[in-house]
Full PDB file with SEQRES, HELIX, SHEET, SSBOND, CRYST1, ORIGX, SCALE, CONECT and MASTER records, all heavy atoms in Angstrom:
SEQRES   1 A   34  GLN ARG TYR GLN ILE THR GLU THR ASP ALA LEU ALA GLU          
SEQRES   2 A   34  CYS LEU ASP LYS ALA ALA GLU LYS TRP PRO ASP VAL ALA          
SEQRES   3 A   34  ARG SER LYS LEU LEU VAL GLN LEU                              
HELIX    1 AA1 ASP A    9  LYS A   21  1                                  13    
HELIX    2 AA2 ARG A   27  GLN A   33  1                                   7    
CRYST1    1.000    1.000    1.000  90.00  90.00  90.00 P 1           1          
ORIGX1      1.000000  0.000000  0.000000        0.00000                         
ORIGX2      0.000000  1.000000  0.000000        0.00000                         
ORIGX3      0.000000  0.000000  1.000000        0.00000                         
SCALE1      1.000000  0.000000  0.000000        0.00000                         
SCALE2      0.000000  1.000000  0.000000        0.00000                         
SCALE3      0.000000  0.000000  1.000000        0.00000                         
ATOM      1  N   GLN A   1       0.842  -1.202   0.000  1.00  0.00           N  
ATOM      2  CA  GLN A   1       0.000   0.000   0.000  1.00  0.00           C  
ATOM      3  C   GLN A   1       0.873   1.246   0.000  1.00  0.00           C  
ATOM      4  O   GLN A   1       1.887   1.298   0.693  1.00  0.00           O  
ATOM      5  CB  GLN A   1      -0.894  -0.001   1.248  1.00  0.00           C  
ATOM      6  CG  GLN A   1      -1.767   1.207   1.394  1.00  0.00           C  
ATOM      7  CD  GLN A   1      -2.844   1.297   0.342  1.00  0.00           C  
ATOM      8  OE1 GLN A   1      -3.458   0.305  -0.010  1.00  0.00           O  
ATOM      9  NE2 GLN A   1      -3.063   2.488  -0.176  1.00  0.00           N  
ATOM     10  N   ARG A   2       0.503   2.246  -0.776  1.00  0.00           N  
ATOM     11  CA  ARG A   2       1.196   3.529  -0.771  1.00  0.00           C  
ATOM     12  C   ARG A   2       0.274   4.571  -0.144  1.00  0.00           C  
ATOM     13  O   ARG A   2      -0.938   4.449  -0.206  1.00  0.00           O  
ATOM     14  CB  ARG A   2       1.551   3.960  -2.194  1.00  0.00           C  
ATOM     15  CG  ARG A   2       2.586   3.084  -2.836  1.00  0.00           C  
ATOM     16  CD  ARG A   2       2.857   3.580  -4.258  1.00  0.00           C  
ATOM     17  NE  ARG A   2       3.786   2.714  -4.929  1.00  0.00           N  
ATOM     18  CZ  ARG A   2       5.073   2.985  -5.096  1.00  0.00           C  
ATOM     19  NH1 ARG A   2       5.576   4.110  -4.631  1.00  0.00           N  
ATOM     20  NH2 ARG A   2       5.855   2.138  -5.716  1.00  0.00           N  
ATOM     21  N   TYR A   3       0.869   5.614   0.423  1.00  0.00           N  
ATOM     22  CA  TYR A   3       0.108   6.672   1.071  1.00  0.00           C  
ATOM     23  C   TYR A   3       0.547   8.012   0.521  1.00  0.00           C  
ATOM     24  O   TYR A   3       1.725   8.234   0.236  1.00  0.00           O  
ATOM     25  CB  TYR A   3       0.335   6.645   2.590  1.00  0.00           C  
ATOM     26  CG  TYR A   3      -0.109   5.339   3.200  1.00  0.00           C  
ATOM     27  CD1 TYR A   3       0.795   4.310   3.415  1.00  0.00           C  
ATOM     28  CD2 TYR A   3      -1.432   5.136   3.528  1.00  0.00           C  
ATOM     29  CE1 TYR A   3       0.389   3.101   3.950  1.00  0.00           C  
ATOM     30  CE2 TYR A   3      -1.855   3.934   4.069  1.00  0.00           C  
ATOM     31  CZ  TYR A   3      -0.939   2.918   4.272  1.00  0.00           C  
ATOM     32  OH  TYR A   3      -1.357   1.725   4.803  1.00  0.00           O  
ATOM     33  N   GLN A   4      -0.406   8.921   0.407  1.00  0.00           N  
ATOM     34  CA  GLN A   4      -0.100  10.272  -0.045  1.00  0.00           C  
ATOM     35  C   GLN A   4      -0.284  11.199   1.147  1.00  0.00           C  
ATOM     36  O   GLN A   4      -1.339  11.209   1.781  1.00  0.00           O  
ATOM     37  CB  GLN A   4      -1.046  10.672  -1.174  1.00  0.00           C  
ATOM     38  CG  GLN A   4      -0.713  11.987  -1.802  1.00  0.00           C  
ATOM     39  CD  GLN A   4      -1.600  12.267  -3.010  1.00  0.00           C  
ATOM     40  OE1 GLN A   4      -2.639  11.653  -3.178  1.00  0.00           O  
ATOM     41  NE2 GLN A   4      -1.175  13.184  -3.825  1.00  0.00           N  
ATOM     42  N   ILE A   5       0.735  11.976   1.444  1.00  0.00           N  
ATOM     43  CA  ILE A   5       0.712  12.855   2.622  1.00  0.00           C  
ATOM     44  C   ILE A   5       1.059  14.269   2.178  1.00  0.00           C  
ATOM     45  O   ILE A   5       2.048  14.485   1.472  1.00  0.00           O  
ATOM     46  CB  ILE A   5       1.722  12.390   3.684  1.00  0.00           C  
ATOM     47  CG1 ILE A   5       1.378  10.984   4.149  1.00  0.00           C  
ATOM     48  CG2 ILE A   5       1.755  13.350   4.864  1.00  0.00           C  
ATOM     49  CD1 ILE A   5       2.421  10.370   5.052  1.00  0.00           C  
ATOM     50  N   THR A   6       0.247  15.222   2.612  1.00  0.00           N  
ATOM     51  CA  THR A   6       0.528  16.626   2.316  1.00  0.00           C  
ATOM     52  C   THR A   6       1.419  17.196   3.403  1.00  0.00           C  
ATOM     53  O   THR A   6       1.170  17.000   4.598  1.00  0.00           O  
ATOM     54  CB  THR A   6      -0.784  17.438   2.253  1.00  0.00           C  
ATOM     55  OG1 THR A   6      -1.614  16.859   1.230  1.00  0.00           O  
ATOM     56  CG2 THR A   6      -0.518  18.896   1.951  1.00  0.00           C  
ATOM     57  N   GLU A   7       2.467  17.890   3.002  1.00  0.00           N  
ATOM     58  CA  GLU A   7       3.387  18.479   3.969  1.00  0.00           C  
ATOM     59  C   GLU A   7       2.793  19.784   4.496  1.00  0.00           C  
ATOM     60  O   GLU A   7       2.873  20.826   3.870  1.00  0.00           O  
ATOM     61  CB  GLU A   7       4.759  18.736   3.333  1.00  0.00           C  
ATOM     62  CG  GLU A   7       5.780  19.195   4.350  1.00  0.00           C  
ATOM     63  CD  GLU A   7       7.171  19.314   3.774  1.00  0.00           C  
ATOM     64  OE1 GLU A   7       7.679  18.331   3.203  1.00  0.00           O  
ATOM     65  OE2 GLU A   7       7.749  20.410   3.899  1.00  0.00           O  
ATOM     66  N   THR A   8       2.191  19.702   5.668  1.00  0.00           N  
ATOM     67  CA  THR A   8       1.656  20.884   6.348  1.00  0.00           C  
ATOM     68  C   THR A   8       2.797  21.611   7.044  1.00  0.00           C  
ATOM     69  O   THR A   8       3.920  21.111   7.097  1.00  0.00           O  
ATOM     70  CB  THR A   8       0.610  20.468   7.396  1.00  0.00           C  
ATOM     71  OG1 THR A   8       1.265  19.642   8.373  1.00  0.00           O  
ATOM     72  CG2 THR A   8      -0.549  19.704   6.758  1.00  0.00           C  
ATOM     73  N   ASP A   9       2.495  22.778   7.609  1.00  0.00           N  
ATOM     74  CA  ASP A   9       3.530  23.511   8.356  1.00  0.00           C  
ATOM     75  C   ASP A   9       4.053  22.678   9.524  1.00  0.00           C  
ATOM     76  O   ASP A   9       5.259  22.623   9.772  1.00  0.00           O  
ATOM     77  CB  ASP A   9       2.977  24.842   8.876  1.00  0.00           C  
ATOM     78  CG  ASP A   9       2.723  25.847   7.764  1.00  0.00           C  
ATOM     79  OD1 ASP A   9       3.266  25.662   6.650  1.00  0.00           O  
ATOM     80  OD2 ASP A   9       1.972  26.809   8.006  1.00  0.00           O  
ATOM     81  N   ALA A  10       3.138  22.016  10.237  1.00  0.00           N  
ATOM     82  CA  ALA A  10       3.546  21.209  11.391  1.00  0.00           C  
ATOM     83  C   ALA A  10       4.416  20.028  10.949  1.00  0.00           C  
ATOM     84  O   ALA A  10       5.431  19.727  11.578  1.00  0.00           O  
ATOM     85  CB  ALA A  10       2.310  20.705  12.145  1.00  0.00           C  
ATOM     86  N   LEU A  11       4.032  19.382   9.851  1.00  0.00           N  
ATOM     87  CA  LEU A  11       4.821  18.264   9.354  1.00  0.00           C  
ATOM     88  C   LEU A  11       6.172  18.744   8.833  1.00  0.00           C  
ATOM     89  O   LEU A  11       7.193  18.091   9.062  1.00  0.00           O  
ATOM     90  CB  LEU A  11       4.065  17.509   8.256  1.00  0.00           C  
ATOM     91  CG  LEU A  11       4.765  16.291   7.677  1.00  0.00           C  
ATOM     92  CD1 LEU A  11       5.154  15.297   8.759  1.00  0.00           C  
ATOM     93  CD2 LEU A  11       3.890  15.635   6.629  1.00  0.00           C  
ATOM     94  N   ALA A  12       6.192  19.890   8.179  1.00  0.00           N  
ATOM     95  CA  ALA A  12       7.454  20.445   7.684  1.00  0.00           C  
ATOM     96  C   ALA A  12       8.407  20.707   8.839  1.00  0.00           C  
ATOM     97  O   ALA A  12       9.610  20.431   8.746  1.00  0.00           O  
ATOM     98  CB  ALA A  12       7.192  21.731   6.905  1.00  0.00           C  
ATOM     99  N   GLU A  13       7.879  21.213   9.945  1.00  0.00           N  
ATOM    100  CA  GLU A  13       8.711  21.462  11.128  1.00  0.00           C  
ATOM    101  C   GLU A  13       9.276  20.156  11.685  1.00  0.00           C  
ATOM    102  O   GLU A  13      10.453  20.078  12.041  1.00  0.00           O  
ATOM    103  CB  GLU A  13       7.895  22.185  12.202  1.00  0.00           C  
ATOM    104  CG  GLU A  13       8.697  22.632  13.395  1.00  0.00           C  
ATOM    105  CD  GLU A  13       7.867  23.413  14.396  1.00  0.00           C  
ATOM    106  OE1 GLU A  13       6.876  24.050  14.008  1.00  0.00           O  
ATOM    107  OE2 GLU A  13       8.236  23.377  15.583  1.00  0.00           O  
ATOM    108  N   CYS A  14       8.454  19.131  11.731  1.00  0.00           N  
ATOM    109  CA  CYS A  14       8.922  17.821  12.201  1.00  0.00           C  
ATOM    110  C   CYS A  14       9.997  17.268  11.274  1.00  0.00           C  
ATOM    111  O   CYS A  14      11.001  16.718  11.739  1.00  0.00           O  
ATOM    112  CB  CYS A  14       7.759  16.834  12.267  1.00  0.00           C  
ATOM    113  SG  CYS A  14       6.576  17.170  13.574  1.00  0.00           S  
ATOM    114  N   LEU A  15       9.798  17.403   9.973  1.00  0.00           N  
ATOM    115  CA  LEU A  15      10.779  16.911   9.007  1.00  0.00           C  
ATOM    116  C   LEU A  15      12.084  17.690   9.108  1.00  0.00           C  
ATOM    117  O   LEU A  15      13.164  17.114   8.976  1.00  0.00           O  
ATOM    118  CB  LEU A  15      10.216  16.979   7.591  1.00  0.00           C  
ATOM    119  CG  LEU A  15       9.114  15.968   7.281  1.00  0.00           C  
ATOM    120  CD1 LEU A  15       8.448  16.295   5.951  1.00  0.00           C  
ATOM    121  CD2 LEU A  15       9.649  14.556   7.280  1.00  0.00           C  
ATOM    122  N   ASP A  16      11.984  18.993   9.342  1.00  0.00           N  
ATOM    123  CA  ASP A  16      13.198  19.805   9.512  1.00  0.00           C  
ATOM    124  C   ASP A  16      14.000  19.329  10.719  1.00  0.00           C  
ATOM    125  O   ASP A  16      15.221  19.214  10.667  1.00  0.00           O  
ATOM    126  CB  ASP A  16      12.845  21.285   9.667  1.00  0.00           C  
ATOM    127  CG  ASP A  16      12.305  21.910   8.392  1.00  0.00           C  
ATOM    128  OD1 ASP A  16      12.490  21.318   7.291  1.00  0.00           O  
ATOM    129  OD2 ASP A  16      11.679  22.985   8.486  1.00  0.00           O  
ATOM    130  N   LYS A  17      13.296  19.048  11.820  1.00  0.00           N  
ATOM    131  CA  LYS A  17      13.977  18.556  13.022  1.00  0.00           C  
ATOM    132  C   LYS A  17      14.557  17.167  12.785  1.00  0.00           C  
ATOM    133  O   LYS A  17      15.667  16.857  13.235  1.00  0.00           O  
ATOM    134  CB  LYS A  17      13.013  18.538  14.210  1.00  0.00           C  
ATOM    135  CG  LYS A  17      12.667  19.918  14.713  1.00  0.00           C  
ATOM    136  CD  LYS A  17      11.699  19.855  15.862  1.00  0.00           C  
ATOM    137  CE  LYS A  17      11.309  21.258  16.307  1.00  0.00           C  
ATOM    138  NZ  LYS A  17      10.297  21.236  17.364  1.00  0.00           N  
ATOM    139  N   ALA A  18      13.812  16.315  12.073  1.00  0.00           N  
ATOM    140  CA  ALA A  18      14.307  14.975  11.767  1.00  0.00           C  
ATOM    141  C   ALA A  18      15.545  15.057  10.887  1.00  0.00           C  
ATOM    142  O   ALA A  18      16.475  14.253  11.033  1.00  0.00           O  
ATOM    143  CB  ALA A  18      13.215  14.161  11.083  1.00  0.00           C  
ATOM    144  N   ALA A  19      15.585  16.038   9.984  1.00  0.00           N  
ATOM    145  CA  ALA A  19      16.737  16.202   9.097  1.00  0.00           C  
ATOM    146  C   ALA A  19      17.985  16.584   9.873  1.00  0.00           C  
ATOM    147  O   ALA A  19      19.103  16.301   9.436  1.00  0.00           O  
ATOM    148  CB  ALA A  19      16.430  17.248   8.035  1.00  0.00           C  
ATOM    149  N   GLU A  20      17.812  17.219  11.025  1.00  0.00           N  
ATOM    150  CA  GLU A  20      18.966  17.530  11.872  1.00  0.00           C  
ATOM    151  C   GLU A  20      19.545  16.245  12.473  1.00  0.00           C  
ATOM    152  O   GLU A  20      20.758  16.119  12.615  1.00  0.00           O  
ATOM    153  CB  GLU A  20      18.560  18.495  12.981  1.00  0.00           C  
ATOM    154  CG  GLU A  20      18.196  19.881  12.478  1.00  0.00           C  
ATOM    155  CD  GLU A  20      17.667  20.793  13.570  1.00  0.00           C  
ATOM    156  OE1 GLU A  20      17.771  20.434  14.766  1.00  0.00           O  
ATOM    157  OE2 GLU A  20      17.135  21.862  13.224  1.00  0.00           O  
ATOM    158  N   LYS A  21      18.651  15.322  12.822  1.00  0.00           N  
ATOM    159  CA  LYS A  21      19.101  14.056  13.411  1.00  0.00           C  
ATOM    160  C   LYS A  21      19.629  13.107  12.336  1.00  0.00           C  
ATOM    161  O   LYS A  21      20.603  12.398  12.559  1.00  0.00           O  
ATOM    162  CB  LYS A  21      17.947  13.392  14.160  1.00  0.00           C  
ATOM    163  CG  LYS A  21      18.332  12.087  14.803  1.00  0.00           C  
ATOM    164  CD  LYS A  21      17.253  11.563  15.710  1.00  0.00           C  
ATOM    165  CE  LYS A  21      17.745  10.294  16.388  1.00  0.00           C  
ATOM    166  NZ  LYS A  21      16.969   9.922  17.529  1.00  0.00           N  
ATOM    167  N   TRP A  22      18.967  13.081  11.188  1.00  0.00           N  
ATOM    168  CA  TRP A  22      19.340  12.209  10.072  1.00  0.00           C  
ATOM    169  C   TRP A  22      19.618  13.091   8.850  1.00  0.00           C  
ATOM    170  O   TRP A  22      18.820  13.151   7.914  1.00  0.00           O  
ATOM    171  CB  TRP A  22      18.230  11.210   9.778  1.00  0.00           C  
ATOM    172  CG  TRP A  22      17.882  10.308  10.920  1.00  0.00           C  
ATOM    173  CD1 TRP A  22      18.684   9.375  11.495  1.00  0.00           C  
ATOM    174  CD2 TRP A  22      16.632  10.242  11.635  1.00  0.00           C  
ATOM    175  NE1 TRP A  22      18.014   8.726  12.519  1.00  0.00           N  
ATOM    176  CE2 TRP A  22      16.762   9.238  12.615  1.00  0.00           C  
ATOM    177  CE3 TRP A  22      15.419  10.924  11.535  1.00  0.00           C  
ATOM    178  CZ2 TRP A  22      15.724   8.898  13.484  1.00  0.00           C  
ATOM    179  CZ3 TRP A  22      14.388  10.587  12.402  1.00  0.00           C  
ATOM    180  CH2 TRP A  22      14.549   9.594  13.371  1.00  0.00           C  
ATOM    181  N   PRO A  23      20.746  13.781   8.802  1.00  0.00           N  
ATOM    182  CA  PRO A  23      20.997  14.810   7.781  1.00  0.00           C  
ATOM    183  C   PRO A  23      21.096  14.312   6.343  1.00  0.00           C  
ATOM    184  O   PRO A  23      20.806  15.070   5.426  1.00  0.00           O  
ATOM    185  CB  PRO A  23      22.316  15.446   8.218  1.00  0.00           C  
ATOM    186  CG  PRO A  23      22.966  14.441   9.087  1.00  0.00           C  
ATOM    187  CD  PRO A  23      21.867  13.655   9.727  1.00  0.00           C  
ATOM    188  N   ASP A  24      21.466  13.093   6.120  1.00  0.00           N  
ATOM    189  CA  ASP A  24      21.659  12.608   4.753  1.00  0.00           C  
ATOM    190  C   ASP A  24      20.478  11.783   4.238  1.00  0.00           C  
ATOM    191  O   ASP A  24      20.621  11.042   3.270  1.00  0.00           O  
ATOM    192  CB  ASP A  24      22.951  11.783   4.673  1.00  0.00           C  
ATOM    193  CG  ASP A  24      24.174  12.626   4.998  1.00  0.00           C  
ATOM    194  OD1 ASP A  24      24.173  13.824   4.654  1.00  0.00           O  
ATOM    195  OD2 ASP A  24      25.116  12.099   5.616  1.00  0.00           O  
ATOM    196  N   VAL A  25      19.334  11.930   4.882  1.00  0.00           N  
ATOM    197  CA  VAL A  25      18.163  11.147   4.506  1.00  0.00           C  
ATOM    198  C   VAL A  25      17.160  12.046   3.777  1.00  0.00           C  
ATOM    199  O   VAL A  25      16.892  13.166   4.218  1.00  0.00           O  
ATOM    200  CB  VAL A  25      17.504  10.523   5.768  1.00  0.00           C  
ATOM    201  CG1 VAL A  25      16.254   9.754   5.412  1.00  0.00           C  
ATOM    202  CG2 VAL A  25      18.504   9.633   6.494  1.00  0.00           C  
ATOM    203  N   ALA A  26      16.606  11.554   2.669  1.00  0.00           N  
ATOM    204  CA  ALA A  26      15.604  12.307   1.906  1.00  0.00           C  
ATOM    205  C   ALA A  26      14.350  12.514   2.747  1.00  0.00           C  
ATOM    206  O   ALA A  26      14.021  11.683   3.603  1.00  0.00           O  
ATOM    207  CB  ALA A  26      15.252  11.552   0.628  1.00  0.00           C  
ATOM    208  N   ARG A  27      13.653  13.613   2.502  1.00  0.00           N  
ATOM    209  CA  ARG A  27      12.462  13.927   3.290  1.00  0.00           C  
ATOM    210  C   ARG A  27      11.423  12.807   3.226  1.00  0.00           C  
ATOM    211  O   ARG A  27      10.753  12.512   4.211  1.00  0.00           O  
ATOM    212  CB  ARG A  27      11.867  15.267   2.865  1.00  0.00           C  
ATOM    213  CG  ARG A  27      12.709  16.431   3.362  1.00  0.00           C  
ATOM    214  CD  ARG A  27      12.203  17.762   2.843  1.00  0.00           C  
ATOM    215  NE  ARG A  27      11.189  18.407   3.662  1.00  0.00           N  
ATOM    216  CZ  ARG A  27      11.408  19.027   4.812  1.00  0.00           C  
ATOM    217  NH1 ARG A  27      12.623  19.083   5.315  1.00  0.00           N  
ATOM    218  NH2 ARG A  27      10.425  19.600   5.462  1.00  0.00           N  
ATOM    219  N   SER A  28      11.270  12.171   2.077  1.00  0.00           N  
ATOM    220  CA  SER A  28      10.300  11.075   1.966  1.00  0.00           C  
ATOM    221  C   SER A  28      10.679   9.925   2.894  1.00  0.00           C  
ATOM    222  O   SER A  28       9.811   9.303   3.521  1.00  0.00           O  
ATOM    223  CB  SER A  28      10.205  10.586   0.524  1.00  0.00           C  
ATOM    224  OG  SER A  28      11.472  10.129   0.075  1.00  0.00           O  
ATOM    225  N   LYS A  29      11.960   9.655   3.028  1.00  0.00           N  
ATOM    226  CA  LYS A  29      12.414   8.590   3.927  1.00  0.00           C  
ATOM    227  C   LYS A  29      12.375   9.042   5.384  1.00  0.00           C  
ATOM    228  O   LYS A  29      12.253   8.219   6.296  1.00  0.00           O  
ATOM    229  CB  LYS A  29      13.803   8.120   3.530  1.00  0.00           C  
ATOM    230  CG  LYS A  29      13.804   7.426   2.177  1.00  0.00           C  
ATOM    231  CD  LYS A  29      15.132   6.802   1.885  1.00  0.00           C  
ATOM    232  CE  LYS A  29      15.229   6.357   0.459  1.00  0.00           C  
ATOM    233  NZ  LYS A  29      14.628   5.162   0.094  1.00  0.00           N  
ATOM    234  N   LEU A  30      12.469  10.357   5.604  1.00  0.00           N  
ATOM    235  CA  LEU A  30      12.343  10.867   6.972  1.00  0.00           C  
ATOM    236  C   LEU A  30      10.949  10.587   7.528  1.00  0.00           C  
ATOM    237  O   LEU A  30      10.794  10.359   8.724  1.00  0.00           O  
ATOM    238  CB  LEU A  30      12.631  12.374   7.024  1.00  0.00           C  
ATOM    239  CG  LEU A  30      14.086  12.774   6.876  1.00  0.00           C  
ATOM    240  CD1 LEU A  30      14.214  14.292   6.805  1.00  0.00           C  
ATOM    241  CD2 LEU A  30      14.941  12.222   8.000  1.00  0.00           C  
ATOM    242  N   LEU A  31       9.944  10.598   6.652  1.00  0.00           N  
ATOM    243  CA  LEU A  31       8.587  10.259   7.093  1.00  0.00           C  
ATOM    244  C   LEU A  31       8.552   8.854   7.684  1.00  0.00           C  
ATOM    245  O   LEU A  31       7.925   8.617   8.717  1.00  0.00           O  
ATOM    246  CB  LEU A  31       7.598  10.351   5.933  1.00  0.00           C  
ATOM    247  CG  LEU A  31       7.203  11.745   5.500  1.00  0.00           C  
ATOM    248  CD1 LEU A  31       6.449  11.699   4.181  1.00  0.00           C  
ATOM    249  CD2 LEU A  31       6.355  12.405   6.576  1.00  0.00           C  
ATOM    250  N   VAL A  32       9.232   7.941   7.026  1.00  0.00           N  
ATOM    251  CA  VAL A  32       9.298   6.566   7.521  1.00  0.00           C  
ATOM    252  C   VAL A  32      10.028   6.538   8.858  1.00  0.00           C  
ATOM    253  O   VAL A  32       9.571   5.898   9.814  1.00  0.00           O  
ATOM    254  CB  VAL A  32       9.981   5.644   6.497  1.00  0.00           C  
ATOM    255  CG1 VAL A  32      10.148   4.240   7.056  1.00  0.00           C  
ATOM    256  CG2 VAL A  32       9.185   5.615   5.199  1.00  0.00           C  
ATOM    257  N   GLN A  33      11.163   7.231   8.940  1.00  0.00           N  
ATOM    258  CA  GLN A  33      11.941   7.275  10.190  1.00  0.00           C  
ATOM    259  C   GLN A  33      11.085   7.820  11.333  1.00  0.00           C  
ATOM    260  O   GLN A  33      11.095   7.284  12.440  1.00  0.00           O  
ATOM    261  CB  GLN A  33      13.180   8.153  10.025  1.00  0.00           C  
ATOM    262  CG  GLN A  33      14.219   7.598   9.079  1.00  0.00           C  
ATOM    263  CD  GLN A  33      14.912   6.384   9.627  1.00  0.00           C  
ATOM    264  OE1 GLN A  33      14.555   5.270   9.282  1.00  0.00           O  
ATOM    265  NE2 GLN A  33      15.886   6.582  10.472  1.00  0.00           N  
ATOM    266  N   LEU A  34      10.351   8.901  11.054  1.00  0.00           N  
ATOM    267  CA  LEU A  34       9.503   9.497  12.090  1.00  0.00           C  
ATOM    268  C   LEU A  34       8.387   8.548  12.514  1.00  0.00           C  
ATOM    269  O   LEU A  34       8.082   8.436  13.705  1.00  0.00           O  
ATOM    270  CB  LEU A  34       8.907  10.815  11.592  1.00  0.00           C  
ATOM    271  CG  LEU A  34       9.865  11.985  11.504  1.00  0.00           C  
ATOM    272  CD1 LEU A  34       9.188  13.176  10.835  1.00  0.00           C  
ATOM    273  CD2 LEU A  34      10.376  12.370  12.875  1.00  0.00           C  
TER     274      LEU A  34                                                      
MASTER        0    0    0    2    0    0    0    6  273    1    0    3          
END                                                                             
């Protein structure tokens, strides 16, 4: 199954913070990590 997710402001903030922890990971993969 695939899922479509819209990047809201709150989600963008979470992804930005996740990118600090996992800097070399693409945002799409950061969703999985989170």
